[in-house]
């Protein structure tokens, strides 16, 4: 019998009641389950970050002192409100760290400039070797000159993983590591996890879909409502891949679509009838320092059109949304019109009142103390940009929206107490609450399990069918996360370039 990596036992009156789970050397475990099933909670217990009465986790000393945890909550903590600051600068931001600084030996090991240390040459050499390996496996080298606050969601996930691995843990616990990654990066991350497992790293991976299982995964534990449904060896038939048919579905939106070329240019198809333009961008260019994110983008979106935005992590999709919402100063020095008004003219809040939005960044900086109802009310602003006082009818409407997204009974639950998937559902309800004319969906299905994803897409599709005038822009990395009814596509496949 191989040695134990850890043993987990829960009493009958504790979360995961009656569970006895042993992780042996040579095994690699995935943990699955619907939103709210306890995956993140279990991850924090295993990492020793959340004490839990009635639950006991025992590890050999060499493992116990070398456990690393990566969760979406860490991304929320690192981002905080700083992404808003990043949107208001197109060059260097004072006091903000670059990826290279954040992944330095001193930063990872939390060494202060005043700390007196002995000879650590061997430790630094080992760290440098690990950094070179991770640069190759996770494609970190191309991010090192970037500011942390200017990373895309997918780039931030890769950087957090690199930081965790630079500590050379023996046990790595990953909570939804593939969330927000483009297809190519998902494949590369699976290959990287396989390579790390081959080097002796023990893995516990909280995953949502079987097509995310890396080849190294040997065992599976399934959760539901803080209980273990089953556990055991992974069968061959339970592994699936992203098939060609699903990829074709992503590419076959309609004959109206036009793909952007290498320079990220795309024109709205001609002949839109009498529908007025909602967005007009002409020659829009955005740089972060020397990095060219958008290059002379021409794009027109007419009322009632539904656009899918695709492209690799860091290609400018979220930046484009920030221009539209007015969260980026580059919008005010270029030819951009929203609802017929040029940026810098008209009433900013009047425009924002007509926009509903959900994004990973919004999820990161939302006040965790807000209840679900209070959160939804923040989506409806008056002419001065203040939250409108909800009428009894609007309160009822907010409750109906929560129920529609599967959050009935969570009205008074704090946003920070929700699972990451439930947070995304609450934000979707918030985006629809003001009856927007323009809906910005940046990865609307991020952190959602298959069942919740199917339900959310059904709700969005129903709203699209019932509201012909609603204009929708959606960012998605998977065919299974595209709402029905999308009829145009903007492909930012060229990605960022240096200039």
Protein backbone atom coordinates (compact mmCIF):
# COMPACT_ATOMS: atom_id res chain seq x y z
CA UNK A 1 0.00 0.00 0.00
CA UNK A 2 1.33 3.42 -0.97
CA UNK A 3 1.91 6.00 1.76
CA UNK A 4 -0.85 8.41 2.69
CA UNK A 5 -0.80 12.00 1.45
CA UNK A 6 -3.64 12.82 3.84
CA UNK A 7 -6.67 11.29 5.52
CA UNK A 8 -9.96 13.14 5.96
CA UNK A 9 -12.69 12.15 8.42
CA UNK A 10 -15.95 13.92 9.30
CA UNK A 11 -18.26 13.04 12.17
CA UNK A 12 -21.96 12.38 11.64
CA UNK A 13 -23.02 15.89 12.72
CA UNK A 14 -20.34 17.77 10.74
CA UNK A 15 -20.21 19.00 7.14
CA UNK A 16 -19.51 16.11 4.76
CA UNK A 17 -21.08 13.92 7.47
CA UNK A 18 -19.60 10.49 7.95
CA UNK A 19 -17.02 10.83 5.19
CA UNK A 20 -13.76 8.91 5.42
CA UNK A 21 -11.39 9.79 2.57
CA UNK A 22 -7.78 8.75 2.16
CA UNK A 23 -5.44 10.15 -0.49
CA UNK A 24 -2.54 7.76 -1.25
CA UNK A 25 0.68 8.45 -3.14
CA UNK A 26 0.27 7.71 -6.82
CA UNK A 27 -3.29 9.08 -6.86
CA UNK A 28 -4.52 12.44 -8.19
CA UNK A 29 -8.03 13.49 -7.14
CA UNK A 30 -10.72 15.63 -8.73
CA UNK A 31 -13.69 16.91 -6.70
CA UNK A 32 -16.94 17.67 -8.53
CA UNK A 33 -20.41 18.84 -7.61
CA UNK A 34 -23.03 21.52 -8.37
CA UNK A 35 -22.82 25.15 -7.27
CA UNK A 36 -23.05 25.41 -3.48
CA UNK A 37 -22.12 21.75 -2.96
CA UNK A 38 -19.09 22.68 -0.84
CA UNK A 39 -16.12 22.36 -3.20
CA UNK A 40 -14.47 25.63 -2.15
CA UNK A 41 -15.31 24.96 1.51
CA UNK A 42 -13.65 21.55 1.31
CA UNK A 43 -10.61 23.08 -0.40
CA UNK A 44 -10.10 25.58 2.41
CA UNK A 45 -10.50 22.86 5.06
CA UNK A 46 -7.87 20.68 3.38
CA UNK A 47 -5.51 23.67 3.18
CA UNK A 48 -5.96 24.41 6.89
CA UNK A 49 -7.50 27.82 6.21
CA UNK A 50 -10.96 27.01 7.58
CA UNK A 51 -11.18 25.14 10.90
CA UNK A 52 -14.27 22.93 11.02
CA UNK A 53 -15.60 21.25 14.15
CA UNK A 54 -16.09 17.53 13.65
CA UNK A 55 -13.71 17.35 10.70
CA UNK A 56 -10.20 15.98 11.06
CA UNK A 57 -7.46 16.17 8.43
CA UNK A 58 -4.20 14.34 9.08
CA UNK A 59 -1.09 14.69 6.94
CA UNK A 60 2.52 13.55 7.26
CA UNK A 61 4.72 16.39 8.51
CA UNK A 62 6.48 16.82 5.17
CA UNK A 63 3.11 17.31 3.41
CA UNK A 64 1.41 19.36 6.13
CA UNK A 65 4.06 22.06 5.93
CA UNK A 66 3.92 22.24 2.13
CA UNK A 67 0.31 22.78 0.99
CA UNK A 68 -0.70 25.45 -1.53
CA UNK A 69 -4.25 26.57 -2.32
CA UNK A 70 -5.55 28.46 -5.36
CA UNK A 71 -9.15 29.78 -5.30
CA UNK A 72 -11.21 32.44 -7.08
CA UNK A 73 -11.49 34.14 -3.70
CA UNK A 74 -7.76 34.83 -3.82
CA UNK A 75 -8.28 36.52 -7.17
CA UNK A 76 -11.05 38.61 -5.62
CA UNK A 77 -8.69 39.58 -2.77
CA UNK A 78 -5.85 40.55 -5.10
CA UNK A 79 -8.07 42.52 -7.46
CA UNK A 80 -10.26 44.34 -4.96
CA UNK A 81 -11.04 47.80 -6.26
CA UNK A 82 -7.70 48.09 -8.07
CA UNK A 83 -9.02 46.99 -11.45
CA UNK A 84 -11.02 50.22 -11.57
CA UNK A 85 -7.82 52.19 -11.02
CA UNK A 86 -6.18 50.25 -13.84
CA UNK A 87 -8.96 51.17 -16.24
CA UNK A 88 -8.24 54.83 -15.63
CA UNK A 89 -4.60 54.64 -16.69
CA UNK A 90 -3.06 53.74 -20.02
CA UNK A 91 0.55 53.75 -18.79
CA UNK A 92 2.42 52.96 -15.59
CA UNK A 93 0.48 53.10 -12.31
CA UNK A 94 2.50 54.20 -9.32
CA UNK A 95 2.90 51.68 -6.48
CA UNK A 96 1.38 48.84 -8.54
CA UNK A 97 3.51 45.72 -8.94
CA UNK A 98 4.41 44.06 -12.19
CA UNK A 99 3.98 40.31 -12.57
CA UNK A 100 7.78 39.97 -12.42
CA UNK A 101 7.90 41.82 -9.08
CA UNK A 102 4.97 39.84 -7.66
CA UNK A 103 6.61 36.55 -8.65
CA UNK A 104 10.03 37.51 -7.31
CA UNK A 105 11.82 35.46 -4.64
CA UNK A 106 11.31 38.21 -2.07
CA UNK A 107 7.60 38.68 -2.79
CA UNK A 108 6.66 34.98 -2.91
CA UNK A 109 8.54 34.31 0.35
CA UNK A 110 7.29 37.58 1.93
CA UNK A 111 10.81 38.84 2.66
CA UNK A 112 10.96 42.46 3.78
CA UNK A 113 13.90 44.76 2.87
CA UNK A 114 14.78 44.93 6.58
CA UNK A 115 14.92 41.18 7.14
CA UNK A 116 18.33 39.71 7.97
CA UNK A 117 18.80 36.30 6.34
CA UNK A 118 21.58 33.75 6.13
CA UNK A 119 23.08 32.29 2.98
CA UNK A 120 20.11 31.39 0.80
CA UNK A 121 21.96 30.92 -2.50
CA UNK A 122 20.82 27.31 -2.87
CA UNK A 123 17.22 28.27 -2.14
CA UNK A 124 17.35 31.09 -4.68
CA UNK A 125 18.84 28.76 -7.30
CA UNK A 126 16.03 26.27 -6.76
CA UNK A 127 13.50 29.10 -7.02
CA UNK A 128 15.04 30.28 -10.30
CA UNK A 129 14.83 26.77 -11.77
CA UNK A 130 11.18 26.51 -10.75
CA UNK A 131 10.46 29.95 -12.25
CA UNK A 132 11.99 28.92 -15.59
CA UNK A 133 9.90 25.74 -15.60
CA UNK A 134 6.68 27.67 -14.87
CA UNK A 135 7.46 30.30 -17.48
CA UNK A 136 7.47 27.45 -19.99
CA UNK A 137 4.50 25.48 -18.67
CA UNK A 138 2.17 28.41 -17.93
CA UNK A 139 3.45 30.94 -20.47
CA UNK A 140 4.33 33.44 -17.77
CA UNK A 141 7.37 34.98 -19.48
CA UNK A 142 5.19 37.11 -21.76
CA UNK A 143 3.32 38.54 -18.76
CA UNK A 144 6.25 39.51 -16.57
CA UNK A 145 6.40 43.17 -17.63
CA UNK A 146 2.64 43.63 -17.13
CA UNK A 147 1.03 45.27 -14.12
CA UNK A 148 -1.00 42.90 -11.95
CA UNK A 149 -4.06 45.17 -12.18
CA UNK A 150 -3.94 45.09 -15.99
CA UNK A 151 -4.12 41.33 -16.38
CA UNK A 152 -7.17 39.71 -17.89
CA UNK A 153 -9.14 37.22 -15.82
CA UNK A 154 -7.41 34.26 -17.47
CA UNK A 155 -3.96 35.82 -17.18
CA UNK A 156 -4.55 36.49 -13.48
CA UNK A 157 -5.47 32.84 -12.89
CA UNK A 158 -2.24 31.68 -14.54
CA UNK A 159 -0.22 34.16 -12.49
CA UNK A 160 -1.82 33.08 -9.20
CA UNK A 161 -1.08 29.45 -10.08
CA UNK A 162 2.55 30.31 -10.82
CA UNK A 163 2.88 32.12 -7.47
CA UNK A 164 1.48 29.09 -5.63
CA UNK A 165 3.83 26.71 -7.45
CA UNK A 166 6.89 28.88 -6.83
CA UNK A 167 6.65 27.79 -3.20
CA UNK A 168 7.30 24.22 -4.41
CA UNK A 169 4.37 22.67 -2.56
CA UNK A 170 3.99 18.92 -2.20
CA UNK A 171 0.18 19.18 -2.23
CA UNK A 172 -1.59 21.67 -4.50
CA UNK A 173 -5.33 22.30 -4.10
CA UNK A 174 -6.94 23.99 -7.11
CA UNK A 175 -10.47 25.42 -6.99
CA UNK A 176 -11.90 25.83 -10.51
CA UNK A 177 -8.49 26.45 -12.14
CA UNK A 178 -9.86 26.46 -15.72
CA UNK A 179 -12.39 29.25 -15.16
CA UNK A 180 -11.87 32.08 -17.64
CA UNK A 181 -9.19 30.32 -19.70
CA UNK A 182 -9.40 30.23 -23.49
CA UNK A 183 -9.42 26.79 -25.20
CA UNK A 184 -5.70 26.80 -26.00
CA UNK A 185 -4.78 27.75 -22.44
CA UNK A 186 -7.09 25.07 -21.03
CA UNK A 187 -5.26 22.43 -23.05
CA UNK A 188 -1.89 23.81 -22.00
CA UNK A 189 -2.88 23.94 -18.33
CA UNK A 190 -3.98 20.31 -18.41
CA UNK A 191 -0.63 19.41 -19.96
CA UNK A 192 1.15 21.48 -17.29
CA UNK A 193 -0.73 19.69 -14.47
CA UNK A 194 0.17 16.34 -16.02
CA UNK A 195 3.84 17.38 -16.14
CA UNK A 196 3.80 18.60 -12.53
CA UNK A 197 2.10 15.39 -11.37
CA UNK A 198 4.80 13.39 -13.14
CA UNK A 199 7.35 15.37 -11.11
CA UNK A 200 5.74 14.19 -7.86
CA UNK A 201 3.24 16.97 -7.09
CA UNK A 202 0.03 15.74 -5.41
CA UNK A 203 -3.15 17.38 -6.74
CA UNK A 204 -6.70 17.92 -5.49
CA UNK A 205 -8.65 19.70 -8.23
CA UNK A 206 -12.16 21.13 -7.77
CA UNK A 207 -13.52 20.92 -11.32
CA UNK A 208 -16.88 21.52 -13.00
CA UNK A 209 -16.79 19.54 -16.25
CA UNK A 210 -15.31 16.14 -17.17
CA UNK A 211 -13.58 17.69 -20.18
CA UNK A 212 -11.41 19.58 -17.66
CA UNK A 213 -9.97 16.40 -16.14
CA UNK A 214 -6.23 16.21 -16.86
CA UNK A 215 -4.86 12.84 -17.92
CA UNK A 216 -3.11 12.45 -14.56
CA UNK A 217 -6.43 12.39 -12.65
CA UNK A 218 -7.05 8.94 -11.20
CA UNK A 219 -9.85 9.35 -8.63
CA UNK A 220 -13.03 11.39 -8.24
CA UNK A 221 -15.04 12.56 -5.22
CA UNK A 222 -18.56 13.88 -5.94
CA UNK A 223 -20.24 16.38 -3.59
CA UNK A 224 -23.81 17.56 -3.20
CA UNK A 225 -25.08 19.88 -0.43
CA UNK A 226 -22.03 19.34 1.82
CA UNK A 227 -22.26 15.58 1.49
CA UNK A 228 -20.19 13.06 -0.43
CA UNK A 229 -22.35 11.24 -2.96
CA UNK A 230 -19.66 8.82 -4.13
CA UNK A 231 -15.92 8.44 -4.53
CA UNK A 232 -13.67 6.09 -6.43
CA UNK A 233 -11.43 5.54 -9.42
CA UNK A 234 -12.20 7.51 -12.59
CA UNK A 235 -13.52 5.33 -15.40
CA UNK A 236 -12.44 5.82 -18.99
CA UNK A 237 -16.01 6.58 -20.12
CA UNK A 238 -16.31 9.50 -17.66
CA UNK A 239 -13.61 11.44 -19.49
CA UNK A 240 -14.80 13.66 -22.34
CA UNK A 241 -13.10 16.13 -24.63
CA UNK A 242 -14.22 19.30 -26.36
CA UNK A 243 -15.42 17.77 -29.59
CA UNK A 244 -15.21 19.15 -33.08
CA UNK A 245 -18.99 19.53 -33.21
CA UNK A 246 -18.97 21.86 -30.19
CA UNK A 247 -16.18 23.89 -31.76
CA UNK A 248 -18.11 24.15 -35.02
CA UNK A 249 -21.15 25.37 -33.12
CA UNK A 250 -19.09 28.24 -31.74
CA UNK A 251 -17.98 29.22 -35.26
CA UNK A 252 -21.37 28.87 -36.95
CA UNK A 253 -23.40 31.74 -35.54
CA UNK A 254 -25.04 32.98 -38.73
CA UNK A 255 -24.30 34.12 -42.23
CA UNK A 256 -24.41 37.71 -40.95
CA UNK A 257 -21.28 37.42 -38.83
CA UNK A 258 -17.97 38.97 -39.80
CA UNK A 259 -14.72 37.96 -38.14
CA UNK A 260 -12.04 40.48 -37.25
CA UNK A 261 -8.65 40.08 -38.89
CA UNK A 262 -5.23 40.15 -37.30
CA UNK A 263 -5.51 43.86 -36.66
CA UNK A 264 -8.81 43.42 -34.76
CA UNK A 265 -11.00 45.19 -37.27
CA UNK A 266 -14.65 44.26 -37.79
CA UNK A 267 -17.50 46.11 -39.45
CA UNK A 268 -21.16 45.56 -38.73
CA UNK A 269 -22.81 43.82 -41.70
CA UNK A 270 -24.48 46.19 -44.12
CA UNK A 271 -28.20 46.50 -44.34
CA UNK A 272 -29.45 46.78 -40.80
CA UNK A 273 -32.76 48.36 -41.78
CA UNK A 274 -33.91 51.38 -39.81
CA UNK A 275 -32.47 50.16 -36.51
CA UNK A 276 -30.33 52.88 -34.88
CA UNK A 277 -26.70 52.19 -33.92
CA UNK A 278 -26.09 51.47 -30.24
CA UNK A 279 -22.29 51.46 -30.52
CA UNK A 280 -20.00 53.12 -33.04
CA UNK A 281 -16.22 52.76 -32.74
CA UNK A 282 -13.91 54.18 -35.38
CA UNK A 283 -10.14 53.59 -35.33
CA UNK A 284 -10.07 52.86 -31.60
CA UNK A 285 -6.60 52.09 -30.24
CA UNK A 286 -5.70 51.21 -26.64
CA UNK A 287 -2.23 50.64 -25.16
CA UNK A 288 -1.07 49.63 -21.70
CA UNK A 289 2.47 50.94 -21.69
CA UNK A 290 4.11 49.49 -24.80
CA UNK A 291 1.51 46.76 -25.16
CA UNK A 292 -0.99 47.35 -27.95
CA UNK A 293 -4.32 45.88 -26.84
CA UNK A 294 -6.72 47.24 -29.48
CA UNK A 295 -5.40 48.40 -32.84
CA UNK A 296 -7.56 50.75 -34.94
CA UNK A 297 -10.79 48.90 -34.22
CA UNK A 298 -13.80 49.82 -36.40
CA UNK A 299 -17.06 48.36 -35.11
CA UNK A 300 -20.75 49.24 -35.32
CA UNK A 301 -23.47 47.51 -33.31
CA UNK A 302 -27.11 48.22 -34.13
CA UNK A 303 -30.12 47.95 -31.86
CA UNK A 304 -31.27 44.39 -31.31
CA UNK A 305 -28.05 42.73 -32.50
CA UNK A 306 -26.47 39.98 -30.39
CA UNK A 307 -22.69 39.80 -30.68
CA UNK A 308 -20.35 37.08 -29.46
CA UNK A 309 -16.82 38.33 -28.68
CA UNK A 310 -14.08 35.73 -28.92
CA UNK A 311 -10.30 35.69 -28.71
CA UNK A 312 -7.51 34.44 -26.45
CA UNK A 313 -6.90 35.68 -22.91
CA UNK A 314 -5.49 39.19 -23.04
CA UNK A 315 -6.75 39.99 -26.54
CA UNK A 316 -8.73 43.02 -25.36
CA UNK A 317 -12.29 41.74 -24.81
CA UNK A 318 -12.65 43.08 -21.26
CA UNK A 319 -10.88 46.30 -22.25
CA UNK A 320 -13.43 46.74 -25.01
CA UNK A 321 -16.25 46.38 -22.49
CA UNK A 322 -14.60 48.99 -20.25
CA UNK A 323 -14.59 51.44 -23.17
CA UNK A 324 -18.28 50.90 -23.75
CA UNK A 325 -19.19 51.28 -20.06
CA UNK A 326 -17.01 54.41 -19.72
CA UNK A 327 -14.59 52.85 -17.23
CA UNK A 328 -11.56 53.55 -19.40
CA UNK A 329 -10.23 57.05 -20.15
CA UNK A 330 -9.19 55.94 -23.64
CA UNK A 331 -12.90 56.14 -24.48
CA UNK A 332 -12.84 59.92 -24.07
CA UNK A 333 -10.04 60.66 -26.51
CA UNK A 334 -11.30 58.60 -29.42
CA UNK A 335 -14.20 58.24 -31.83
CA UNK A 336 -16.64 56.24 -29.70
CA UNK A 337 -20.39 56.75 -29.60
CA UNK A 338 -22.80 54.99 -27.26
CA UNK A 339 -26.53 55.40 -27.92
CA UNK A 340 -25.58 58.12 -30.41
CA UNK A 341 -23.61 60.19 -27.87
CA UNK A 342 -19.87 60.73 -28.19
CA UNK A 343 -17.84 59.96 -25.08
CA UNK A 344 -17.22 63.20 -23.21
CA UNK A 345 -20.58 64.67 -24.25
CA UNK A 346 -24.00 64.12 -22.78
CA UNK A 347 -24.84 62.58 -19.42
CA UNK A 348 -22.57 59.68 -18.40
CA UNK A 349 -25.03 58.34 -15.85
CA UNK A 350 -27.92 58.52 -18.29
CA UNK A 351 -25.92 56.22 -20.57
CA UNK A 352 -24.87 53.87 -17.78
CA UNK A 353 -28.47 53.53 -16.61
CA UNK A 354 -29.22 51.86 -19.93
CA UNK A 355 -26.43 49.27 -19.55
CA UNK A 356 -26.57 46.01 -17.60
CA UNK A 357 -23.25 44.30 -16.98
CA UNK A 358 -21.69 41.20 -15.43
CA UNK A 359 -17.98 40.37 -15.43
CA UNK A 360 -15.26 38.63 -13.39
CA UNK A 361 -13.93 42.05 -12.37
CA UNK A 362 -17.34 43.14 -11.11
CA UNK A 363 -17.49 39.95 -9.07
CA UNK A 364 -14.04 40.66 -7.63
CA UNK A 365 -14.75 44.16 -6.30
CA UNK A 366 -18.39 43.78 -5.22
CA UNK A 367 -18.88 44.47 -1.50
CA UNK A 368 -19.22 41.07 0.14
CA UNK A 369 -21.35 42.50 2.97
CA UNK A 370 -24.22 43.43 0.64
CA UNK A 371 -27.18 41.09 0.77
CA UNK A 372 -28.41 39.66 -2.52
CA UNK A 373 -31.33 42.10 -2.57
CA UNK A 374 -29.09 45.08 -1.78
CA UNK A 375 -26.74 43.98 -4.55
CA UNK A 376 -29.53 43.87 -7.13
CA UNK A 377 -30.70 47.37 -6.14
CA UNK A 378 -27.21 48.76 -6.93
CA UNK A 379 -27.89 47.93 -10.58
CA UNK A 380 -30.49 50.69 -10.92
CA UNK A 381 -29.12 54.25 -10.77
CA UNK A 382 -30.72 57.68 -11.07
CA UNK A 383 -29.52 60.63 -13.17
CA UNK A 384 -26.92 61.57 -10.51
CA UNK A 385 -25.45 58.06 -10.38
CA UNK A 386 -27.03 57.24 -7.01
CA UNK A 387 -28.92 54.03 -6.27
CA UNK A 388 -32.65 54.46 -6.88
CA UNK A 389 -34.87 53.74 -3.90
CA UNK A 390 -36.79 50.58 -4.87
CA UNK A 391 -40.57 50.73 -4.89
CA UNK A 392 -42.56 47.77 -3.52
CA UNK A 393 -43.11 46.65 -7.13
CA UNK A 394 -39.36 46.78 -7.85
CA UNK A 395 -38.62 44.86 -4.64
CA UNK A 396 -40.97 42.15 -5.80
CA UNK A 397 -39.31 42.17 -9.21
CA UNK A 398 -35.88 41.73 -7.59
CA UNK A 399 -37.13 38.72 -5.62
CA UNK A 400 -38.57 37.21 -8.79
CA UNK A 401 -35.22 37.63 -10.53
CA UNK A 402 -33.38 35.90 -7.69
CA UNK A 403 -35.85 33.04 -7.84
CA UNK A 404 -35.49 32.89 -11.62
CA UNK A 405 -31.75 32.39 -11.22
CA UNK A 406 -32.12 29.73 -8.54
CA UNK A 407 -31.44 31.93 -5.51
CA UNK A 408 -34.82 31.76 -3.79
CA UNK A 409 -34.33 32.03 -0.04
CA UNK A 410 -30.98 33.86 -0.47
CA UNK A 411 -32.45 37.39 -0.48
CA UNK A 412 -30.82 38.34 2.84
CA UNK A 413 -27.68 36.24 2.39
CA UNK A 414 -24.44 38.24 2.19
CA UNK A 415 -22.84 38.23 -1.25
CA UNK A 416 -19.51 37.17 0.25
CA UNK A 417 -21.16 34.12 1.83
CA UNK A 418 -22.33 32.76 -1.51
CA UNK A 419 -20.34 30.25 -3.51
CA UNK A 420 -18.53 31.73 -6.52
CA UNK A 421 -21.16 30.24 -8.82
CA UNK A 422 -24.01 31.68 -6.76
CA UNK A 423 -22.27 35.08 -6.83
CA UNK A 424 -22.32 34.95 -10.61
CA UNK A 425 -26.07 34.17 -10.57
CA UNK A 426 -26.72 37.15 -8.29
CA UNK A 427 -24.76 39.44 -10.60
CA UNK A 428 -26.75 38.22 -13.59
CA UNK A 429 -29.95 39.12 -11.75
CA UNK A 430 -28.47 42.55 -10.99
CA UNK A 431 -27.62 43.13 -14.66
CA UNK A 432 -31.21 42.45 -15.76
CA UNK A 433 -32.94 44.32 -12.93
CA UNK A 434 -32.90 47.81 -14.56
CA UNK A 435 -34.32 46.46 -17.89
CA UNK A 436 -31.22 47.59 -19.83
CA UNK A 437 -31.11 48.48 -23.50
CA UNK A 438 -27.57 47.09 -23.73
CA UNK A 439 -26.46 43.93 -21.92
CA UNK A 440 -22.71 43.29 -21.46
CA UNK A 441 -22.04 39.66 -20.52
CA UNK A 442 -18.35 39.05 -19.85
CA UNK A 443 -18.15 35.28 -19.28
CA UNK A 444 -21.68 34.99 -17.85
CA UNK A 445 -21.26 31.27 -17.10
CA UNK A 446 -17.95 31.58 -15.24
CA UNK A 447 -17.94 29.42 -12.05
CA UNK A 448 -21.25 27.75 -13.00
CA UNK A 449 -21.78 23.99 -13.06
CA UNK A 450 -23.41 22.31 -16.09
CA UNK A 451 -26.93 22.40 -14.64
CA UNK A 452 -26.76 26.06 -13.60
CA UNK A 453 -25.11 26.96 -16.91
CA UNK A 454 -27.92 25.34 -18.91
CA UNK A 455 -30.55 27.14 -16.81
CA UNK A 456 -28.84 30.54 -17.07
CA UNK A 457 -28.48 30.28 -20.85
CA UNK A 458 -32.14 29.31 -21.08
CA UNK A 459 -33.17 32.40 -19.07
CA UNK A 460 -30.96 34.71 -21.14
CA UNK A 461 -32.26 33.14 -24.35
CA UNK A 462 -35.84 33.66 -23.22
CA UNK A 463 -35.17 37.33 -22.42
CA UNK A 464 -33.52 37.79 -25.83
CA UNK A 465 -36.57 36.31 -27.59
CA UNK A 466 -38.99 38.42 -25.56
CA UNK A 467 -37.05 41.69 -26.04
CA UNK A 468 -36.27 42.23 -29.76
CA UNK A 469 -34.77 45.67 -29.10
CA UNK A 470 -32.27 44.39 -26.48
CA UNK A 471 -28.67 44.59 -27.70
CA UNK A 472 -26.37 41.92 -26.26
CA UNK A 473 -22.57 41.63 -26.25
CA UNK A 474 -21.22 38.38 -24.81
CA UNK A 475 -17.69 37.12 -24.14
CA UNK A 476 -17.35 33.33 -23.96
CA UNK A 477 -14.53 30.81 -24.28
CA UNK A 478 -16.68 27.69 -24.66
CA UNK A 479 -19.40 26.77 -27.14
CA UNK A 480 -21.45 25.46 -24.21
CA UNK A 481 -21.44 28.95 -22.64
CA UNK A 482 -22.89 30.86 -25.61
CA UNK A 483 -26.50 32.06 -25.09
CA UNK A 484 -29.00 31.13 -27.81
CA UNK A 485 -29.84 33.86 -30.28
CA UNK A 486 -26.34 35.27 -30.84
CA UNK A 487 -26.19 36.31 -34.51
CA UNK A 488 -22.91 38.25 -34.95
CA UNK A 489 -19.31 37.65 -33.98
CA UNK A 490 -16.28 39.84 -33.31
CA UNK A 491 -13.09 37.79 -33.13
CA UNK A 492 -10.10 39.50 -31.50
CA UNK A 493 -7.87 36.59 -32.47
CA UNK A 494 -4.86 38.80 -33.12
CA UNK A 495 -4.32 39.34 -29.41
CA UNK A 496 -1.99 41.94 -27.86
CA UNK A 497 1.20 43.04 -29.57
CA UNK A 498 4.20 45.17 -28.66
CA UNK A 499 4.61 48.47 -30.45
